[in-house]
């Protein structure tokens, strides 16, 4: 778990690192039930709403 993005220094960011080779993914917590994929510099993508995971 990391803290902060360029636009929100208090944001909660989760770094998902695979065992062995693979790409590292970053997700920013939007609210209690939503995470959004962000870029490695911890910036949101323009189509960020399409990159959200929501817990039901």
C-alpha atoms as a PDB file:
ATOM      1  CA  UNK A   1       0.000   0.000   0.000  1.00  0.00           C
ATOM      2  CA  UNK A   2       1.279   3.456  -0.947  1.00  0.00           C
ATOM      3  CA  UNK A   3       0.094   6.966  -0.164  1.00  0.00           C
ATOM      4  CA  UNK A   4      -0.499   9.823  -2.561  1.00  0.00           C
ATOM      5  CA  UNK A   5      -0.790  10.735  -6.208  1.00  0.00           C
ATOM      6  CA  UNK A   6       0.299  13.942  -7.967  1.00  0.00           C
ATOM      7  CA  UNK A   7      -3.277  15.260  -7.815  1.00  0.00           C
ATOM      8  CA  UNK A   8      -4.180  13.880  -4.348  1.00  0.00           C
ATOM      9  CA  UNK A   9      -1.387  13.536  -1.763  1.00  0.00           C
ATOM     10  CA  UNK A  10      -3.750  11.716   0.630  1.00  0.00           C
ATOM     11  CA  UNK A  11      -4.954   9.073  -1.860  1.00  0.00           C
ATOM     12  CA  UNK A  12      -4.568   5.385  -1.044  1.00  0.00           C
ATOM     13  CA  UNK A  13      -2.788   3.446  -3.784  1.00  0.00           C
ATOM     14  CA  UNK A  14      -2.331  -0.313  -3.936  1.00  0.00           C
ATOM     15  CA  UNK A  15       0.697  -1.705  -5.751  1.00  0.00           C
ATOM     16  CA  UNK A  16       0.184  -5.233  -7.103  1.00  0.00           C
ATOM     17  CA  UNK A  17       3.515  -6.917  -7.762  1.00  0.00           C
ATOM     18  CA  UNK A  18       3.542 -10.408  -9.291  1.00  0.00           C
ATOM     19  CA  UNK A  19       5.910 -13.117  -8.111  1.00  0.00           C
ATOM     20  CA  UNK A  20       8.687 -13.482 -10.656  1.00  0.00           C
ATOM     21  CA  UNK A  21       8.401 -11.686 -13.974  1.00  0.00           C
ATOM     22  CA  UNK A  22       5.393  -9.571 -14.801  1.00  0.00           C
ATOM     23  CA  UNK A  23       3.990  -6.091 -14.854  1.00  0.00           C
ATOM     24  CA  UNK A  24       3.334  -4.096 -11.686  1.00  0.00           C
ATOM     25  CA  UNK A  25      -0.176  -2.626 -11.470  1.00  0.00           C
ATOM     26  CA  UNK A  26      -1.331   0.373  -9.441  1.00  0.00           C
ATOM     27  CA  UNK A  27      -4.898   0.886  -8.232  1.00  0.00           C
ATOM     28  CA  UNK A  28      -6.196   3.996  -6.495  1.00  0.00           C
ATOM     29  CA  UNK A  29      -8.974   3.664  -3.954  1.00  0.00           C
ATOM     30  CA  UNK A  30     -11.926   5.776  -5.090  1.00  0.00           C
ATOM     31  CA  UNK A  31     -14.314   4.818  -2.266  1.00  0.00           C
ATOM     32  CA  UNK A  32     -15.170   1.867   0.024  1.00  0.00           C
ATOM     33  CA  UNK A  33     -16.047  -0.412  -2.883  1.00  0.00           C
ATOM     34  CA  UNK A  34     -14.183   0.992  -5.919  1.00  0.00           C
ATOM     35  CA  UNK A  35     -10.584   0.767  -7.157  1.00  0.00           C
ATOM     36  CA  UNK A  36      -9.330   2.395 -10.343  1.00  0.00           C
ATOM     37  CA  UNK A  37      -6.319   1.336 -12.410  1.00  0.00           C
ATOM     38  CA  UNK A  38      -3.776   4.181 -12.642  1.00  0.00           C
ATOM     39  CA  UNK A  39      -0.443   4.552 -14.447  1.00  0.00           C
ATOM     40  CA  UNK A  40       2.981   3.853 -12.866  1.00  0.00           C
ATOM     41  CA  UNK A  41       3.434   7.581 -12.121  1.00  0.00           C
ATOM     42  CA  UNK A  42       0.181   7.296 -10.133  1.00  0.00           C
ATOM     43  CA  UNK A  43      -1.867   9.433 -12.520  1.00  0.00           C
ATOM     44  CA  UNK A  44      -5.414   8.668 -13.591  1.00  0.00           C
ATOM     45  CA  UNK A  45      -6.123   7.723 -17.198  1.00  0.00           C
ATOM     46  CA  UNK A  46      -8.517   9.890 -19.250  1.00  0.00           C
ATOM     47  CA  UNK A  47     -11.008   7.008 -19.466  1.00  0.00           C
ATOM     48  CA  UNK A  48     -10.590   6.121 -15.788  1.00  0.00           C
ATOM     49  CA  UNK A  49     -14.258   5.281 -15.225  1.00  0.00           C
ATOM     50  CA  UNK A  50     -13.840   2.374 -17.643  1.00  0.00           C
ATOM     51  CA  UNK A  51     -10.875   1.088 -15.619  1.00  0.00           C
ATOM     52  CA  UNK A  52     -12.691   0.743 -12.291  1.00  0.00           C
ATOM     53  CA  UNK A  53     -13.259  -2.404 -10.267  1.00  0.00           C
ATOM     54  CA  UNK A  54     -16.338  -2.330  -8.053  1.00  0.00           C
ATOM     55  CA  UNK A  55     -17.087  -4.718  -5.218  1.00  0.00           C
ATOM     56  CA  UNK A  56     -20.736  -5.790  -5.138  1.00  0.00           C
END
